[in-house]
Amino acid sequence: MRDVVTNRGGVAGDGGRVARTPVKTFQAYLPPAHRTYSCIHCRAHLASHDELISKSFQGSQGRAYLFNSVVNVGCGPAEERVLLTGLHAVADIYCECCKTMLGWKYEHAFESSQKYKEGKFIIELAHMVKENGWD
């Protein structure tokens, strides 16, 4: 968060003091020349197209993409869940700016064929939008 100075004015006895109002800013911005995926709710950058691994995933609300890395995302506690591809330890991820749940992070895969997902992120299409340089 950063502070923005605003003039409150008109309040008797405040002597025209200036108040500080917190304004949300993104933790990280991706380069403007790169194709990016952003939060559909607040437009915070989430991932670069270069970090996209696969478009062939299913989330709880429909299609989802698998990313190697993401930005402006918080992570909840890991828990074991049975997903379409078997048992995994996953942690829900959310937008750091608007707190919307976006998908999950694969913490651990119990089947050897699924180990490639460990440390990767699922973001559901319902929660992201394409920005910058998509033609």
C-alpha atoms as a PDB file:
ATOM      1  CA  MET A   1       0.000   0.000   0.000  1.00  0.00           C
ATOM      2  CA  ARG A   2       1.068   3.548  -0.570  1.00  0.00           C
ATOM      3  CA  ASP A   3      -0.404   6.707   0.890  1.00  0.00           C
ATOM      4  CA  VAL A   4      -2.112   9.283  -1.263  1.00  0.00           C
ATOM      5  CA  VAL A   5      -2.548  12.747   0.163  1.00  0.00           C
ATOM      6  CA  THR A   6      -6.084  14.078  -0.108  1.00  0.00           C
ATOM      7  CA  ASN A   7      -7.594  17.325   1.115  1.00  0.00           C
ATOM      8  CA  ARG A   8     -10.587  16.619   3.336  1.00  0.00           C
ATOM      9  CA  GLY A   9     -11.541  20.299   3.759  1.00  0.00           C
ATOM     10  CA  GLY A  10     -14.812  21.602   5.202  1.00  0.00           C
ATOM     11  CA  VAL A  11     -14.515  19.966   8.631  1.00  0.00           C
ATOM     12  CA  ALA A  12     -14.847  22.486  11.441  1.00  0.00           C
ATOM     13  CA  GLY A  13     -11.816  22.664  13.699  1.00  0.00           C
ATOM     14  CA  ASP A  14      -9.467  20.545  11.576  1.00  0.00           C
ATOM     15  CA  GLY A  15      -7.431  23.562  10.496  1.00  0.00           C
ATOM     16  CA  GLY A  16      -7.387  22.420   6.866  1.00  0.00           C
ATOM     17  CA  ARG A  17      -5.223  19.410   7.707  1.00  0.00           C
ATOM     18  CA  VAL A  18      -4.490  16.863   5.036  1.00  0.00           C
ATOM     19  CA  ALA A  19      -5.516  13.232   5.549  1.00  0.00           C
ATOM     20  CA  ARG A  20      -3.743  10.171   4.211  1.00  0.00           C
ATOM     21  CA  THR A  21      -5.893   7.625   2.414  1.00  0.00           C
ATOM     22  CA  PRO A  22      -4.463   4.165   1.684  1.00  0.00           C
ATOM     23  CA  VAL A  23      -4.623   3.180  -1.990  1.00  0.00           C
ATOM     24  CA  LYS A  24      -4.062  -0.366  -3.234  1.00  0.00           C
ATOM     25  CA  THR A  25      -1.263  -0.808  -5.719  1.00  0.00           C
ATOM     26  CA  PHE A  26      -0.044  -3.986  -7.330  1.00  0.00           C
ATOM     27  CA  GLN A  27       2.911  -5.758  -5.758  1.00  0.00           C
ATOM     28  CA  ALA A  28       4.361  -6.478  -9.204  1.00  0.00           C
ATOM     29  CA  TYR A  29       3.796  -5.210 -12.719  1.00  0.00           C
ATOM     30  CA  LEU A  30       4.658  -7.317 -15.741  1.00  0.00           C
ATOM     31  CA  PRO A  31       6.387  -5.576 -18.685  1.00  0.00           C
ATOM     32  CA  PRO A  32       3.835  -3.682 -20.818  1.00  0.00           C
ATOM     33  CA  ALA A  33       5.119  -5.186 -24.074  1.00  0.00           C
ATOM     34  CA  HIS A  34       4.359  -8.751 -22.918  1.00  0.00           C
ATOM     35  CA  ARG A  35       1.039 -10.547 -23.248  1.00  0.00           C
ATOM     36  CA  THR A  36      -0.295 -10.874 -19.723  1.00  0.00           C
ATOM     37  CA  TYR A  37      -3.148 -12.444 -17.796  1.00  0.00           C
ATOM     38  CA  SER A  38      -4.810 -10.184 -15.213  1.00  0.00           C
ATOM     39  CA  CYS A  39      -7.439 -10.540 -12.499  1.00  0.00           C
ATOM     40  CA  ILE A  40     -10.828  -9.996 -14.124  1.00  0.00           C
ATOM     41  CA  HIS A  41     -12.088  -8.231 -10.994  1.00  0.00           C
ATOM     42  CA  CYS A  42      -9.329  -5.675 -10.259  1.00  0.00           C
ATOM     43  CA  ARG A  43      -6.963  -5.980 -13.270  1.00  0.00           C
ATOM     44  CA  ALA A  44      -3.917  -6.862 -11.154  1.00  0.00           C
ATOM     45  CA  HIS A  45      -1.321  -8.664 -13.249  1.00  0.00           C
ATOM     46  CA  LEU A  46      -1.245 -12.405 -12.539  1.00  0.00           C
ATOM     47  CA  ALA A  47       1.032 -14.071 -15.093  1.00  0.00           C
ATOM     48  CA  SER A  48       2.959 -13.609 -18.296  1.00  0.00           C
ATOM     49  CA  HIS A  49       1.956 -15.679 -21.316  1.00  0.00           C
ATOM     50  CA  ASP A  50       5.568 -16.930 -21.310  1.00  0.00           C
ATOM     51  CA  GLU A  51       4.831 -18.718 -17.998  1.00  0.00           C
ATOM     52  CA  LEU A  52       1.853 -20.663 -19.427  1.00  0.00           C
ATOM     53  CA  ILE A  53       2.446 -24.427 -19.378  1.00  0.00           C
ATOM     54  CA  SER A  54      -0.949 -25.835 -20.384  1.00  0.00           C
ATOM     55  CA  LYS A  55      -4.504 -24.792 -21.250  1.00  0.00           C
ATOM     56  CA  SER A  56      -5.848 -28.321 -20.682  1.00  0.00           C
ATOM     57  CA  PHE A  57      -6.901 -28.132 -17.049  1.00  0.00           C
ATOM     58  CA  GLN A  58     -10.251 -28.150 -15.292  1.00  0.00           C
ATOM     59  CA  GLY A  59     -11.005 -25.972 -12.273  1.00  0.00           C
ATOM     60  CA  SER A  60     -14.009 -25.995  -9.976  1.00  0.00           C
ATOM     61  CA  GLN A  61     -15.682 -23.337 -12.175  1.00  0.00           C
ATOM     62  CA  GLY A  62     -14.655 -24.592 -15.618  1.00  0.00           C
ATOM     63  CA  ARG A  63     -11.518 -24.410 -17.727  1.00  0.00           C
ATOM     64  CA  ALA A  64      -8.234 -23.427 -16.130  1.00  0.00           C
ATOM     65  CA  TYR A  65      -4.610 -22.812 -17.146  1.00  0.00           C
ATOM     66  CA  LEU A  66      -1.440 -24.166 -15.551  1.00  0.00           C
ATOM     67  CA  PHE A  67       1.339 -21.597 -15.001  1.00  0.00           C
ATOM     68  CA  ASN A  68       4.957 -22.007 -13.992  1.00  0.00           C
ATOM     69  CA  SER A  69       4.919 -18.783 -11.925  1.00  0.00           C
ATOM     70  CA  VAL A  70       2.486 -16.020 -10.963  1.00  0.00           C
ATOM     71  CA  VAL A  71       2.601 -12.557  -9.357  1.00  0.00           C
ATOM     72  CA  ASN A  72       0.266 -10.624  -7.029  1.00  0.00           C
ATOM     73  CA  VAL A  73      -1.070 -13.897  -5.636  1.00  0.00           C
ATOM     74  CA  GLY A  74      -1.403 -15.048  -2.030  1.00  0.00           C
ATOM     75  CA  CYS A  75      -1.457 -18.654  -0.903  1.00  0.00           C
ATOM     76  CA  GLY A  76      -3.596 -20.340   1.732  1.00  0.00           C
ATOM     77  CA  PRO A  77      -2.676 -23.440   3.754  1.00  0.00           C
ATOM     78  CA  ALA A  78      -2.035 -26.703   1.895  1.00  0.00           C
ATOM     79  CA  GLU A  79      -4.566 -29.509   2.156  1.00  0.00           C
ATOM     80  CA  GLU A  80      -4.972 -32.899   0.528  1.00  0.00           C
ATOM     81  CA  ARG A  81      -7.619 -33.099  -2.204  1.00  0.00           C
ATOM     82  CA  VAL A  82      -8.651 -35.776  -4.649  1.00  0.00           C
ATOM     83  CA  LEU A  83      -8.626 -34.093  -8.065  1.00  0.00           C
ATOM     84  CA  LEU A  84      -9.362 -35.545 -11.512  1.00  0.00           C
ATOM     85  CA  THR A  85      -5.758 -36.783 -11.742  1.00  0.00           C
ATOM     86  CA  GLY A  86      -5.541 -38.257  -8.244  1.00  0.00           C
ATOM     87  CA  LEU A  87      -4.548 -37.195  -4.746  1.00  0.00           C
ATOM     88  CA  HIS A  88      -2.597 -33.934  -4.429  1.00  0.00           C
ATOM     89  CA  ALA A  89      -1.652 -31.511  -1.659  1.00  0.00           C
ATOM     90  CA  VAL A  90      -2.842 -28.119  -2.897  1.00  0.00           C
ATOM     91  CA  ALA A  91      -3.189 -24.609  -1.487  1.00  0.00           C
ATOM     92  CA  ASP A  92      -5.871 -22.184  -2.641  1.00  0.00           C
ATOM     93  CA  ILE A  93      -4.497 -19.027  -4.262  1.00  0.00           C
ATOM     94  CA  TYR A  94      -6.129 -15.620  -4.260  1.00  0.00           C
ATOM     95  CA  CYS A  95      -5.532 -12.187  -5.773  1.00  0.00           C
ATOM     96  CA  GLU A  96      -3.480 -10.093  -3.334  1.00  0.00           C
ATOM     97  CA  CYS A  97      -5.303  -6.939  -4.445  1.00  0.00           C
ATOM     98  CA  CYS A  98      -9.009  -7.894  -4.336  1.00  0.00           C
ATOM     99  CA  LYS A  99      -8.779 -11.216  -2.416  1.00  0.00           C
ATOM    100  CA  THR A 100     -10.728 -13.177  -5.071  1.00  0.00           C
ATOM    101  CA  MET A 101     -10.013 -16.926  -5.071  1.00  0.00           C
ATOM    102  CA  LEU A 102      -8.313 -17.703  -8.381  1.00  0.00           C
ATOM    103  CA  GLY A 103      -7.383 -21.385  -8.250  1.00  0.00           C
ATOM    104  CA  TRP A 104      -4.693 -23.350  -6.450  1.00  0.00           C
ATOM    105  CA  LYS A 105      -1.006 -24.168  -6.166  1.00  0.00           C
ATOM    106  CA  TYR A 106       0.196 -27.759  -6.401  1.00  0.00           C
ATOM    107  CA  GLU A 107       2.334 -28.342  -3.316  1.00  0.00           C
ATOM    108  CA  HIS A 108       2.762 -32.121  -3.624  1.00  0.00           C
ATOM    109  CA  ALA A 109       1.690 -34.849  -6.041  1.00  0.00           C
ATOM    110  CA  PHE A 110       1.378 -38.352  -4.613  1.00  0.00           C
ATOM    111  CA  GLU A 111       1.611 -40.105  -8.003  1.00  0.00           C
ATOM    112  CA  SER A 112       4.927 -40.049  -9.848  1.00  0.00           C
ATOM    113  CA  SER A 113       3.257 -39.189 -13.181  1.00  0.00           C
ATOM    114  CA  GLN A 114       1.910 -35.974 -11.631  1.00  0.00           C
ATOM    115  CA  LYS A 115       5.162 -34.702 -10.052  1.00  0.00           C
ATOM    116  CA  TYR A 116       5.647 -32.144 -12.861  1.00  0.00           C
ATOM    117  CA  LYS A 117       2.809 -30.099 -11.319  1.00  0.00           C
ATOM    118  CA  GLU A 118       4.570 -29.504  -7.999  1.00  0.00           C
ATOM    119  CA  GLY A 119       5.163 -25.800  -7.391  1.00  0.00           C
ATOM    120  CA  LYS A 120       2.927 -24.840 -10.345  1.00  0.00           C
ATOM    121  CA  PHE A 121      -0.268 -22.756 -10.290  1.00  0.00           C
ATOM    122  CA  ILE A 122      -3.788 -23.258 -11.639  1.00  0.00           C
ATOM    123  CA  ILE A 123      -5.813 -20.132 -12.461  1.00  0.00           C
ATOM    124  CA  GLU A 124      -9.399 -20.533 -13.614  1.00  0.00           C
ATOM    125  CA  LEU A 125     -10.416 -18.685 -16.776  1.00  0.00           C
ATOM    126  CA  ALA A 126     -13.479 -17.323 -14.959  1.00  0.00           C
ATOM    127  CA  HIS A 127     -11.126 -15.113 -12.910  1.00  0.00           C
ATOM    128  CA  MET A 128      -8.667 -13.788 -15.486  1.00  0.00           C
ATOM    129  CA  VAL A 129      -8.556 -11.670 -18.604  1.00  0.00           C
ATOM    130  CA  LYS A 130      -5.942 -11.279 -21.358  1.00  0.00           C
ATOM    131  CA  GLU A 131      -4.198  -7.904 -21.630  1.00  0.00           C
ATOM    132  CA  ASN A 132      -1.389  -6.292 -23.681  1.00  0.00           C
ATOM    133  CA  GLY A 133      -0.547  -7.365 -27.203  1.00  0.00           C
ATOM    134  CA  TRP A 134      -3.192 -10.013 -27.933  1.00  0.00           C
ATOM    135  CA  ASP A 135      -4.178  -9.797 -31.601  1.00  0.00           C
END
